[in-house]
Protein backbone atom coordinates (compact mmCIF):
# COMPACT_ATOMS: atom_id res chain seq x y z
CA MET A 1 -34.41 57.57 130.05
CA PRO A 2 -32.38 60.22 131.83
CA ARG A 3 -33.77 62.99 133.97
CA TYR A 4 -32.11 66.26 134.71
CA ILE A 5 -32.48 69.32 136.89
CA SER A 6 -32.83 72.63 135.09
CA LEU A 7 -32.10 76.01 136.66
CA TYR A 8 -33.77 79.09 135.19
CA GLU A 9 -33.41 82.79 135.97
CA LYS A 10 -36.21 83.96 138.22
CA THR A 11 -36.59 87.24 136.38
CA GLY A 12 -35.94 86.34 132.75
CA ASN A 13 -36.75 82.62 132.67
CA ASN A 14 -33.56 81.94 130.69
CA LEU A 15 -31.94 78.55 131.20
CA VAL A 16 -28.81 78.97 133.35
CA ASN A 17 -27.72 75.37 133.87
CA ARG A 18 -28.86 71.81 133.33
CA MET A 19 -27.55 68.90 135.39
CA ASN A 20 -28.02 65.32 134.27
CA LEU A 21 -28.92 62.94 137.06
CA MET A 22 -26.64 59.93 137.03
CA ARG A 23 -29.47 57.52 137.74
CA ASP A 24 -33.16 57.65 137.00
CA ASP A 25 -35.15 56.26 139.89
CA HIS A 26 -38.62 56.30 138.34
CA GLU A 27 -40.40 55.09 141.47
CA PHE A 28 -38.69 57.76 143.59
CA PHE A 29 -39.76 60.58 141.27
CA GLN A 30 -43.24 59.15 140.89
CA ALA A 31 -43.70 59.14 144.67
CA LEU A 32 -41.93 62.49 145.06
CA PHE A 33 -44.46 64.22 142.82
CA GLY A 34 -47.53 62.45 144.20
CA ASN A 35 -48.02 59.63 141.69
CA PRO A 36 -49.50 61.91 139.02
CA ILE A 37 -52.39 60.08 137.34
CA ASP A 38 -52.12 62.15 134.16
CA ASP A 39 -48.34 61.62 133.97
CA PRO A 40 -47.56 58.10 135.29
CA LEU A 41 -44.06 58.06 133.76
CA VAL A 42 -43.27 61.49 135.22
CA TYR A 43 -42.27 63.00 131.87
CA ASP A 44 -43.56 66.50 132.65
CA SER A 45 -41.55 69.29 134.23
CA TYR A 46 -41.88 69.50 138.03
CA ARG A 47 -40.87 72.48 140.14
CA ILE A 48 -38.44 71.87 142.98
CA ASP A 49 -39.49 73.45 146.26
CA GLU A 50 -37.67 73.29 149.61
CA GLU A 51 -39.18 69.94 150.63
CA ILE A 52 -38.50 68.29 147.26
CA ASN A 53 -34.98 69.75 147.22
CA LEU A 54 -34.23 68.07 150.56
CA LYS A 55 -35.67 64.73 149.44
CA ILE A 56 -33.60 64.77 146.25
CA PHE A 57 -30.53 65.66 148.31
CA HIS A 58 -31.06 62.75 150.71
CA LYS A 59 -31.60 60.31 147.84
CA MET A 60 -29.10 61.57 145.25
CA SER A 61 -26.74 63.98 147.06
CA VAL A 62 -27.78 66.86 144.78
CA MET A 63 -29.10 70.16 146.13
CA VAL A 64 -29.94 73.23 144.08
CA ASP A 65 -30.27 76.92 144.92
CA ILE A 66 -34.04 77.42 144.85
CA VAL A 67 -33.69 80.94 146.25
CA THR A 68 -31.68 82.24 143.30
CA TYR A 69 -33.16 80.05 140.54
CA ASP A 70 -36.43 78.46 139.50
CA CYS A 71 -35.50 74.77 139.48
CA TYR A 72 -37.28 71.85 137.84
CA VAL A 73 -36.91 68.12 137.45
CA GLU A 74 -37.37 67.37 133.77
CA PHE A 75 -37.24 64.36 131.49
CA ALA A 76 -34.76 64.17 128.62
CA ALA A 77 -36.77 63.07 125.62
């Protein structure tokens, strides 16, 4: 069950890029997004803010440009 990071234009909301994450650490993402009760498998789309961006970087060595793009962690169904 792969996850990816999607980058969207801030003004037009068009998809600019999608990066597959090489490993899916379910427990990491569950904790990262506050153990969502209504989404225990973390299948929804979650916005990446500065704090989340840093945590993903420390865990997976991936950092995205949240100033230029609206970035989300998403699940590949």
